[in-house]
Amino acid sequence: MKSQTKSESDTRFMGLAIREAMRSLGRTVPNPAVGAVLVKNGRIIAKGFHRAAGLPHAEIEAMKKAGFNPRTPNLISDAIKGCTLYVTLEPCSSQGRTPPCTSSIIASGIKRVVYGAKDPDKRHRGRASKILKKNGIKVTEGILASQCADLNKYWNHLARTGMPWVVAKAAVSLDGRIDSAPLRRWITSNSSRREAMRLRASVQAILVGGGTVRTDDPSLTIRGIRTEKNHPQPWRVVWSRSGKVPPYSKILNDCHRDRTLIFTGMPLRKVLKQLAKMGVSIVLIEGGGRTLAEAFRCNVVNEVRIFIAPVVQGGNVAVISGNIIPTFLKNVTYTKIGSDVMVSGMVIEPS
């Protein structure tokens, strides 16, 4: 069997760390998904992933499995001593809900750290590398960096911009209408509505305008699909100029009423910044037409999901109701779902 070069080994073990990180996806909000692998003499001795915010980070999970005890860090485990740690994200170097991982790494006897993506937060970016090197630990950066960064694109965007990643979603007829015709409750097919529920399950907040609440009385909940036990209901956010939300509205009276937020008389961008301060990294804007128009007008949309049904509605409400700046998409896909077509794409940021 051909022996691997150091670079090839680094790539292989980082790939395994990425697989660990994928087990973390959706569990760690508002923290990033991270995976780690401990290797000694070319052999994996432990793996770990970040399980939830407030619990040990991926590095510590792997180290604990190999015998490291955070309560007695000076008692170095023979299994860990001299190891190489592979981790998908630059180790944290500051006190949060948990102690800085750099301190535990230094205390553990690990001799080399290989990480994929740098911390996107400018306050911490590159800091771990300096701390570890200062303490005699070799550091290799950027192994499978883009794949590691893609694990946390929403978290990265929040850390870099102070704004959540925004997905604009709508279900429209062929003539671009979003209001239901008489005797027709839904525009799109059952299959499209299930896909829309899966989309809801992937976000932390669903935002609609006050007019949508007054007209449709939506539940804005996840229904009809299987989710993990204790999967959180996304925040239901109402952006309203008048603040007139009927007291009988479902979002104010159902079992998730404590997950409803109403913002009155506040610019949409400011609402999104408020959500970001709460740790919300991805928001789904579901309408109506004026709300979607404002989202495009103030350039806060990052991604688009439009479900187009083969019906001519002749309704009164356009999917985008108002003046907006031209918006172009990249990486566009067209997916047939039931009798409908879903158009997806990423917004091209203005140069």
Protein backbone atom coordinates (compact mmCIF):
# COMPACT_ATOMS: atom_id res chain seq x y z
CA MET A 1 0.00 0.00 0.00
CA LYS A 2 1.37 3.39 -1.04
CA SER A 3 2.20 5.60 1.95
CA GLN A 4 0.46 8.96 2.04
CA THR A 5 2.26 12.28 2.07
CA LYS A 6 1.67 14.64 4.96
CA SER A 7 -0.57 16.79 2.76
CA GLU A 8 -2.61 13.76 1.64
CA SER A 9 -3.02 12.61 5.25
CA ASP A 10 -4.13 16.07 6.32
CA THR A 11 -6.75 16.14 3.58
CA ARG A 12 -8.04 12.66 4.47
CA PHE A 13 -8.34 13.32 8.19
CA MET A 14 -9.93 16.73 7.63
CA GLY A 15 -12.48 15.02 5.41
CA LEU A 16 -13.34 12.79 8.35
CA ALA A 17 -13.62 15.85 10.60
CA ILE A 18 -16.07 17.35 8.10
CA ARG A 19 -18.16 14.17 8.33
CA GLU A 20 -18.23 14.62 12.09
CA ALA A 21 -19.27 18.26 11.67
CA MET A 22 -22.19 17.21 9.49
CA ARG A 23 -23.59 15.37 12.51
CA SER A 24 -23.61 18.76 14.21
CA LEU A 25 -25.69 20.57 11.58
CA GLY A 26 -28.92 22.05 12.93
CA ARG A 27 -28.10 21.24 16.55
CA THR A 28 -25.78 24.01 17.65
CA VAL A 29 -27.61 27.31 17.02
CA PRO A 30 -26.41 29.97 17.64
CA ASN A 31 -23.00 28.26 17.52
CA PRO A 32 -21.39 26.82 14.37
CA ALA A 33 -21.33 23.14 13.41
CA VAL A 34 -17.84 21.77 14.05
CA GLY A 35 -16.17 18.36 13.87
CA ALA A 36 -12.81 17.13 15.18
CA VAL A 37 -10.54 14.09 14.84
CA LEU A 38 -7.55 13.16 17.02
CA VAL A 39 -4.75 11.26 15.26
CA LYS A 40 -1.58 9.64 16.62
CA ASN A 41 1.00 7.87 14.50
CA GLY A 42 -1.42 7.86 11.56
CA ARG A 43 -4.20 6.22 13.58
CA ILE A 44 -7.47 7.82 14.67
CA ILE A 45 -7.85 7.62 18.44
CA ALA A 46 -10.99 9.73 18.89
CA LYS A 47 -13.61 11.78 17.03
CA GLY A 48 -16.09 14.37 18.23
CA PHE A 49 -18.61 16.99 17.14
CA HIS A 50 -20.28 19.96 18.80
CA ARG A 51 -23.64 18.64 20.01
CA ALA A 52 -25.40 21.81 21.21
CA ALA A 53 -24.75 25.37 22.34
CA GLY A 54 -23.44 25.32 25.91
CA LEU A 55 -22.02 21.80 25.59
CA PRO A 56 -18.33 21.03 24.99
CA HIS A 57 -16.98 22.01 21.59
CA ALA A 58 -15.92 19.37 19.07
CA GLU A 59 -12.24 19.50 20.07
CA ILE A 60 -13.08 18.88 23.72
CA GLU A 61 -15.52 16.09 22.83
CA ALA A 62 -12.76 14.24 20.97
CA MET A 63 -10.17 14.93 23.67
CA LYS A 64 -12.47 13.67 26.43
CA LYS A 65 -12.99 10.41 24.53
CA ALA A 66 -9.20 10.02 24.47
CA GLY A 67 -8.89 10.51 28.22
CA PHE A 68 -8.58 14.28 28.68
CA ASN A 69 -10.37 15.62 31.74
CA PRO A 70 -11.10 19.38 31.58
CA ARG A 71 -11.39 19.43 35.38
CA THR A 72 -7.80 18.19 35.79
CA PRO A 73 -6.09 19.56 32.66
CA ASN A 74 -2.58 19.15 34.09
CA LEU A 75 -2.93 15.35 34.16
CA ILE A 76 -1.93 14.69 30.57
CA SER A 77 -3.34 11.54 28.97
CA ASP A 78 -0.67 9.32 27.41
CA ALA A 79 -3.08 8.64 24.55
CA ILE A 80 -3.35 12.34 23.66
CA LYS A 81 0.26 13.35 24.25
CA GLY A 82 1.94 14.04 20.91
CA CYS A 83 -1.32 13.84 18.91
CA THR A 84 -2.42 15.88 15.93
CA LEU A 85 -5.86 17.49 16.25
CA TYR A 86 -7.90 18.02 13.08
CA VAL A 87 -10.80 20.47 13.47
CA THR A 88 -13.02 22.05 10.82
CA LEU A 89 -13.00 25.54 12.37
CA GLU A 90 -10.27 27.57 14.02
CA PRO A 91 -10.43 26.69 17.75
CA CYS A 92 -12.09 29.28 19.97
CA SER A 93 -9.70 31.43 21.98
CA SER A 94 -12.07 33.35 24.24
CA GLN A 95 -14.35 32.55 27.18
CA GLY A 96 -17.97 31.98 26.23
CA ARG A 97 -20.47 29.51 27.64
CA THR A 98 -17.49 27.17 27.76
CA PRO A 99 -13.76 27.87 28.41
CA PRO A 100 -11.50 28.64 25.40
CA CYS A 101 -10.53 25.49 23.52
CA THR A 102 -7.00 26.81 23.02
CA SER A 103 -6.35 26.52 26.77
CA SER A 104 -7.42 22.87 26.83
CA ILE A 105 -5.40 22.06 23.71
CA ILE A 106 -2.27 23.56 25.26
CA ALA A 107 -2.83 21.65 28.53
CA SER A 108 -3.56 18.34 26.79
CA GLY A 109 -0.13 17.66 25.29
CA ILE A 110 -1.32 17.91 21.68
CA LYS A 111 1.67 18.79 19.49
CA ARG A 112 0.01 19.82 16.22
CA VAL A 113 -3.32 21.42 15.26
CA VAL A 114 -4.73 21.36 11.73
CA TYR A 115 -7.85 23.40 11.05
CA GLY A 116 -9.91 24.15 7.98
CA ALA A 117 -11.79 27.44 8.10
CA LYS A 118 -10.66 30.55 9.93
CA ASP A 119 -13.00 32.22 12.40
CA PRO A 120 -14.96 34.80 10.34
CA ASP A 121 -15.17 37.17 13.32
CA LYS A 122 -12.41 39.76 12.86
CA ARG A 123 -11.96 39.97 16.65
CA HIS A 124 -10.87 36.31 16.81
CA ARG A 125 -9.63 35.53 13.30
CA GLY A 126 -6.11 34.07 13.44
CA ARG A 127 -5.86 34.51 17.19
CA ALA A 128 -5.88 30.78 17.98
CA SER A 129 -2.95 30.16 15.66
CA LYS A 130 -0.84 32.80 17.41
CA ILE A 131 -1.70 31.46 20.88
CA LEU A 132 -0.98 27.84 19.97
CA LYS A 133 2.30 28.62 18.19
CA LYS A 134 3.43 30.72 21.13
CA ASN A 135 3.00 27.62 23.29
CA GLY A 136 5.06 25.36 21.04
CA ILE A 137 2.20 23.75 19.10
CA LYS A 138 2.59 23.45 15.33
CA VAL A 139 -0.35 24.82 13.35
CA THR A 140 -1.49 24.13 9.80
CA GLU A 141 -4.34 26.25 8.42
CA GLY A 142 -6.68 26.09 5.45
CA ILE A 143 -6.98 22.33 4.80
CA LEU A 144 -10.24 21.87 2.83
CA ALA A 145 -11.01 25.46 3.87
CA SER A 146 -13.91 26.07 1.46
CA GLN A 147 -15.66 22.81 2.38
CA CYS A 148 -15.25 23.61 6.07
CA ALA A 149 -16.55 27.14 5.58
CA ASP A 150 -19.57 25.87 3.63
CA LEU A 151 -20.69 23.96 6.72
CA ASN A 152 -21.53 27.27 8.39
CA LYS A 153 -22.30 29.75 5.64
CA TYR A 154 -25.18 31.31 7.62
CA TRP A 155 -23.14 31.62 10.82
CA ASN A 156 -20.20 32.99 8.81
CA HIS A 157 -22.46 35.57 7.18
CA LEU A 158 -23.82 36.67 10.57
CA ALA A 159 -20.32 36.97 12.05
CA ARG A 160 -19.04 38.89 9.04
CA THR A 161 -21.95 41.29 8.43
CA GLY A 162 -23.99 41.44 11.64
CA MET A 163 -27.03 40.44 9.55
CA PRO A 164 -28.84 37.10 9.22
CA TRP A 165 -28.87 35.20 5.95
CA VAL A 166 -32.24 35.98 4.31
CA VAL A 167 -34.18 33.59 2.08
CA ALA A 168 -37.06 35.10 0.11
CA LYS A 169 -39.78 32.51 -0.50
CA ALA A 170 -43.07 32.72 -2.34
CA ALA A 171 -45.67 30.51 -3.98
CA VAL A 172 -46.93 32.15 -7.17
CA SER A 173 -49.20 31.54 -10.12
CA LEU A 174 -48.07 31.82 -13.74
CA ASP A 175 -49.29 35.41 -13.79
CA GLY A 176 -47.19 36.24 -10.72
CA ARG A 177 -49.99 36.42 -8.14
CA ILE A 178 -49.82 35.23 -4.54
CA ASP A 179 -53.40 35.73 -3.37
CA SER A 180 -55.77 32.78 -3.62
CA ALA A 181 -58.56 32.82 -6.15
CA PRO A 182 -62.14 32.17 -4.93
CA LEU A 183 -62.67 28.57 -3.79
CA ARG A 184 -58.92 27.87 -4.08
CA ARG A 185 -57.07 27.78 -0.74
CA TRP A 186 -53.59 26.86 -1.99
CA ILE A 187 -51.72 27.94 -5.09
CA THR A 188 -49.07 25.20 -5.18
CA SER A 189 -49.26 21.42 -4.88
CA ASN A 190 -49.04 19.23 -1.77
CA SER A 191 -45.47 18.31 -2.74
CA SER A 192 -44.43 21.95 -2.91
CA ARG A 193 -46.02 22.68 0.44
CA ARG A 194 -44.08 19.79 2.02
CA GLU A 195 -40.88 21.21 0.54
CA ALA A 196 -41.82 24.62 1.96
CA MET A 197 -42.21 22.99 5.38
CA ARG A 198 -38.75 21.47 5.07
CA LEU A 199 -37.50 24.94 4.26
CA ARG A 200 -39.19 26.29 7.39
CA ALA A 201 -37.54 23.55 9.43
CA SER A 202 -34.10 24.72 8.24
CA VAL A 203 -34.45 28.33 9.45
CA GLN A 204 -34.56 30.08 12.80
CA ALA A 205 -37.17 32.70 12.01
CA ILE A 206 -40.09 33.18 9.58
CA LEU A 207 -40.96 36.78 8.77
CA VAL A 208 -44.18 38.12 7.24
CA GLY A 209 -45.82 41.49 6.94
CA GLY A 210 -48.74 42.61 9.09
CA GLY A 211 -51.04 42.54 6.06
CA THR A 212 -50.38 38.82 5.59
CA VAL A 213 -51.39 38.14 9.19
CA ARG A 214 -54.58 40.21 8.88
CA THR A 215 -55.57 38.67 5.52
CA ASP A 216 -54.51 35.01 5.83
CA ASP A 217 -54.19 34.41 9.60
CA PRO A 218 -51.26 32.00 9.00
CA SER A 219 -49.90 29.59 11.62
CA LEU A 220 -46.28 29.90 10.37
CA THR A 221 -45.44 26.57 12.00
CA ILE A 222 -43.69 23.40 10.85
CA ARG A 223 -46.33 20.80 9.95
CA GLY A 224 -46.68 17.55 8.02
CA ILE A 225 -43.00 16.56 7.99
CA ARG A 226 -40.82 14.58 10.37
CA THR A 227 -38.27 16.54 12.39
CA GLU A 228 -35.87 15.58 15.14
CA LYS A 229 -37.26 15.36 18.64
CA ASN A 230 -37.38 18.78 20.34
CA HIS A 231 -36.71 20.55 17.05
CA PRO A 232 -37.39 24.22 17.87
CA GLN A 233 -40.28 26.09 16.31
CA PRO A 234 -38.77 29.04 14.36
CA TRP A 235 -39.49 32.51 15.65
CA ARG A 236 -42.60 33.94 13.97
CA VAL A 237 -41.81 37.55 13.16
CA VAL A 238 -44.40 40.11 12.10
CA TRP A 239 -43.11 43.31 10.49
CA SER A 240 -45.93 45.84 10.67
CA ARG A 241 -46.15 49.55 10.00
CA SER A 242 -49.35 49.95 12.03
CA GLY A 243 -48.89 47.20 14.63
CA LYS A 244 -52.49 46.14 14.02
CA VAL A 245 -52.39 42.40 14.59
CA PRO A 246 -55.85 40.95 15.35
CA PRO A 247 -55.97 39.57 18.92
CA TYR A 248 -57.59 36.36 17.62
CA SER A 249 -54.65 35.62 15.28
CA LYS A 250 -53.30 32.08 15.47
CA ILE A 251 -49.77 33.31 16.11
CA LEU A 252 -50.99 35.01 19.31
CA ASN A 253 -53.11 32.15 20.61
CA ASP A 254 -51.60 28.77 19.78
CA CYS A 255 -49.10 26.73 21.82
CA HIS A 256 -46.18 28.55 20.15
CA ARG A 257 -47.38 32.06 21.01
CA ASP A 258 -44.22 32.67 23.04
CA ARG A 259 -42.29 32.30 19.77
CA THR A 260 -44.07 35.28 18.16
CA LEU A 261 -42.38 38.67 17.80
CA ILE A 262 -44.07 41.83 16.49
CA PHE A 263 -42.02 44.80 15.28
CA THR A 264 -43.94 48.02 14.68
CA GLY A 265 -42.85 51.07 12.74
CA MET A 266 -39.26 49.89 12.37
CA PRO A 267 -37.24 49.65 9.12
CA LEU A 268 -36.94 46.08 7.88
CA ARG A 269 -33.15 46.15 7.96
CA LYS A 270 -33.25 47.21 11.62
CA VAL A 271 -35.65 44.34 12.42
CA LEU A 272 -33.21 41.89 10.87
CA LYS A 273 -30.34 43.37 12.87
CA GLN A 274 -32.38 42.91 16.03
CA LEU A 275 -32.89 39.24 15.13
CA ALA A 276 -29.16 38.91 14.50
CA LYS A 277 -28.46 40.22 18.01
CA MET A 278 -30.67 37.38 19.28
CA GLY A 279 -28.38 34.90 17.52
CA VAL A 280 -30.71 34.30 14.57
CA SER A 281 -28.49 33.48 11.60
CA ILE A 282 -31.10 32.56 8.94
CA VAL A 283 -34.50 34.14 8.27
CA LEU A 284 -37.19 33.04 5.82
CA ILE A 285 -39.29 35.93 4.46
CA GLU A 286 -42.60 34.52 3.25
CA GLY A 287 -44.40 37.71 2.26
CA GLY A 288 -46.58 39.36 1.39
CA GLY A 289 -45.84 41.29 -1.75
CA ARG A 290 -44.95 44.59 -0.06
CA THR A 291 -42.70 42.89 2.47
CA LEU A 292 -40.82 40.99 -0.23
CA ALA A 293 -40.50 44.19 -2.26
CA GLU A 294 -39.01 46.01 0.73
CA ALA A 295 -36.57 43.14 1.33
CA PHE A 296 -35.28 43.42 -2.24
CA ARG A 297 -35.38 47.22 -2.18
CA CYS A 298 -33.13 47.47 0.88
CA ASN A 299 -30.86 44.70 -0.46
CA VAL A 300 -31.12 42.20 2.41
CA VAL A 301 -32.04 39.08 0.38
CA ASN A 302 -29.29 36.46 -0.03
CA GLU A 303 -31.23 33.55 -1.51
CA VAL A 304 -34.47 33.04 -3.41
CA ARG A 305 -36.91 30.12 -3.47
CA ILE A 306 -39.95 30.70 -5.71
CA PHE A 307 -42.53 27.94 -6.22
CA ILE A 308 -44.38 28.46 -9.53
CA ALA A 309 -47.71 26.69 -10.04
CA PRO A 310 -49.27 25.92 -13.46
CA VAL A 311 -52.31 28.11 -12.89
CA VAL A 312 -53.39 31.59 -13.95
CA GLN A 313 -54.86 33.22 -10.86
CA GLY A 314 -55.94 36.65 -11.93
CA GLY A 315 -55.60 37.79 -8.31
CA ASN A 316 -54.90 41.26 -6.97
CA VAL A 317 -51.59 40.80 -5.11
CA ALA A 318 -48.33 40.54 -7.07
CA VAL A 319 -45.46 38.53 -5.62
CA ILE A 320 -43.41 41.75 -5.56
CA SER A 321 -45.64 44.77 -4.93
CA GLY A 322 -43.54 47.89 -5.27
CA ASN A 323 -40.46 49.41 -6.80
CA ILE A 324 -37.21 47.49 -6.30
CA ILE A 325 -33.67 47.61 -7.59
CA PRO A 326 -32.85 45.01 -10.29
CA THR A 327 -31.69 41.80 -8.61
CA PHE A 328 -29.82 39.02 -10.40
CA LEU A 329 -29.24 35.42 -9.31
CA LYS A 330 -26.40 32.95 -9.69
CA ASN A 331 -26.25 29.17 -9.25
CA VAL A 332 -29.85 29.02 -10.42
CA THR A 333 -31.65 25.67 -10.39
CA TYR A 334 -35.09 24.64 -11.64
CA THR A 335 -36.60 21.74 -9.71
CA LYS A 336 -39.86 20.03 -10.65
CA ILE A 337 -41.88 19.37 -7.48
CA GLY A 338 -45.23 17.70 -8.10
CA SER A 339 -46.95 19.81 -10.74
CA ASP A 340 -44.88 22.89 -9.85
CA VAL A 341 -41.40 24.24 -10.53
CA MET A 342 -39.16 25.65 -7.80
CA VAL A 343 -36.67 28.29 -8.94
CA SER A 344 -33.74 28.65 -6.53
CA GLY A 345 -30.69 30.85 -6.63
CA MET A 346 -28.25 33.03 -4.76
CA VAL A 347 -28.43 36.79 -5.05
CA ILE A 348 -25.43 38.35 -6.76
CA GLU A 349 -24.15 41.08 -4.46
CA PRO A 350 -23.78 44.47 -6.12
CA SER A 351 -20.16 45.29 -6.95
